[in-house]
């Protein structure tokens, strides 16, 4: 029954590629956050989270 099932080993590369891409993005964001100067952190701390302007559209 399982002899008819064809499994190609090259398919296993896709999870590895996904992990590498995700880890690279996470590492890049973490590195950028750790390299921020105190002036930049103060700037981002003062940014508003929501806009007080309500459009009537």
C-alpha atoms as a PDB file:
ATOM      1  CA  UNK A   1       0.000   0.000   0.000  1.00  0.00           C
ATOM      2  CA  UNK A   2       2.729   2.490   0.904  1.00  0.00           C
ATOM      3  CA  UNK A   3       4.878   1.423  -2.022  1.00  0.00           C
ATOM      4  CA  UNK A   4       2.672   3.469  -4.324  1.00  0.00           C
ATOM      5  CA  UNK A   5       3.324   6.613  -2.300  1.00  0.00           C
ATOM      6  CA  UNK A   6       6.112   8.591  -3.954  1.00  0.00           C
ATOM      7  CA  UNK A   7       8.008  10.903  -1.626  1.00  0.00           C
ATOM      8  CA  UNK A   8      10.607  13.187  -3.095  1.00  0.00           C
ATOM      9  CA  UNK A   9      13.242  14.382  -0.663  1.00  0.00           C
ATOM     10  CA  UNK A  10      13.572  17.725  -2.430  1.00  0.00           C
ATOM     11  CA  UNK A  11      10.175  18.721  -1.013  1.00  0.00           C
ATOM     12  CA  UNK A  12      11.716  18.866   2.474  1.00  0.00           C
ATOM     13  CA  UNK A  13      13.663  21.976   1.434  1.00  0.00           C
ATOM     14  CA  UNK A  14      10.550  24.190   1.602  1.00  0.00           C
ATOM     15  CA  UNK A  15      10.186  24.145   5.405  1.00  0.00           C
ATOM     16  CA  UNK A  16      13.901  24.828   5.692  1.00  0.00           C
ATOM     17  CA  UNK A  17      13.647  27.819   3.335  1.00  0.00           C
ATOM     18  CA  UNK A  18      10.645  29.136   5.288  1.00  0.00           C
ATOM     19  CA  UNK A  19      12.529  28.833   8.567  1.00  0.00           C
ATOM     20  CA  UNK A  20      15.603  30.605   7.178  1.00  0.00           C
ATOM     21  CA  UNK A  21      13.532  33.488   5.774  1.00  0.00           C
ATOM     22  CA  UNK A  22      11.578  33.888   9.018  1.00  0.00           C
ATOM     23  CA  UNK A  23      14.708  33.734  11.161  1.00  0.00           C
ATOM     24  CA  UNK A  24      16.453  36.289   8.933  1.00  0.00           C
ATOM     25  CA  UNK A  25      13.569  38.750   9.182  1.00  0.00           C
ATOM     26  CA  UNK A  26      13.338  38.276  12.965  1.00  0.00           C
ATOM     27  CA  UNK A  27      17.104  38.734  13.340  1.00  0.00           C
ATOM     28  CA  UNK A  28      17.097  41.872  11.159  1.00  0.00           C
ATOM     29  CA  UNK A  29      14.263  43.490  13.121  1.00  0.00           C
ATOM     30  CA  UNK A  30      15.859  42.587  16.459  1.00  0.00           C
ATOM     31  CA  UNK A  31      19.241  43.901  15.354  1.00  0.00           C
ATOM     32  CA  UNK A  32      17.708  47.165  14.178  1.00  0.00           C
ATOM     33  CA  UNK A  33      15.843  47.595  17.462  1.00  0.00           C
ATOM     34  CA  UNK A  34      18.960  46.924  19.521  1.00  0.00           C
ATOM     35  CA  UNK A  35      21.038  49.401  17.512  1.00  0.00           C
ATOM     36  CA  UNK A  36      18.619  52.304  18.013  1.00  0.00           C
ATOM     37  CA  UNK A  37      19.992  55.375  19.717  1.00  0.00           C
ATOM     38  CA  UNK A  38      18.267  56.870  22.774  1.00  0.00           C
ATOM     39  CA  UNK A  39      17.125  59.764  20.590  1.00  0.00           C
ATOM     40  CA  UNK A  40      15.383  57.365  18.212  1.00  0.00           C
ATOM     41  CA  UNK A  41      13.700  55.500  21.050  1.00  0.00           C
ATOM     42  CA  UNK A  42      12.376  58.775  22.458  1.00  0.00           C
ATOM     43  CA  UNK A  43      11.063  59.705  19.013  1.00  0.00           C
ATOM     44  CA  UNK A  44       9.228  56.391  18.641  1.00  0.00           C
ATOM     45  CA  UNK A  45       7.951  56.571  22.227  1.00  0.00           C
ATOM     46  CA  UNK A  46       6.250  59.886  21.466  1.00  0.00           C
ATOM     47  CA  UNK A  47       4.454  58.701  18.314  1.00  0.00           C
ATOM     48  CA  UNK A  48       0.675  58.519  18.707  1.00  0.00           C
ATOM     49  CA  UNK A  49      -0.943  55.108  18.394  1.00  0.00           C
ATOM     50  CA  UNK A  50      -4.151  56.356  16.841  1.00  0.00           C
ATOM     51  CA  UNK A  51      -5.224  59.287  14.734  1.00  0.00           C
ATOM     52  CA  UNK A  52      -7.705  61.721  16.293  1.00  0.00           C
ATOM     53  CA  UNK A  53      -9.022  62.842  12.891  1.00  0.00           C
ATOM     54  CA  UNK A  54     -12.239  61.163  11.843  1.00  0.00           C
ATOM     55  CA  UNK A  55     -13.139  61.414   8.181  1.00  0.00           C
ATOM     56  CA  UNK A  56     -16.812  61.515   7.253  1.00  0.00           C
ATOM     57  CA  UNK A  57     -16.330  59.348   4.173  1.00  0.00           C
END
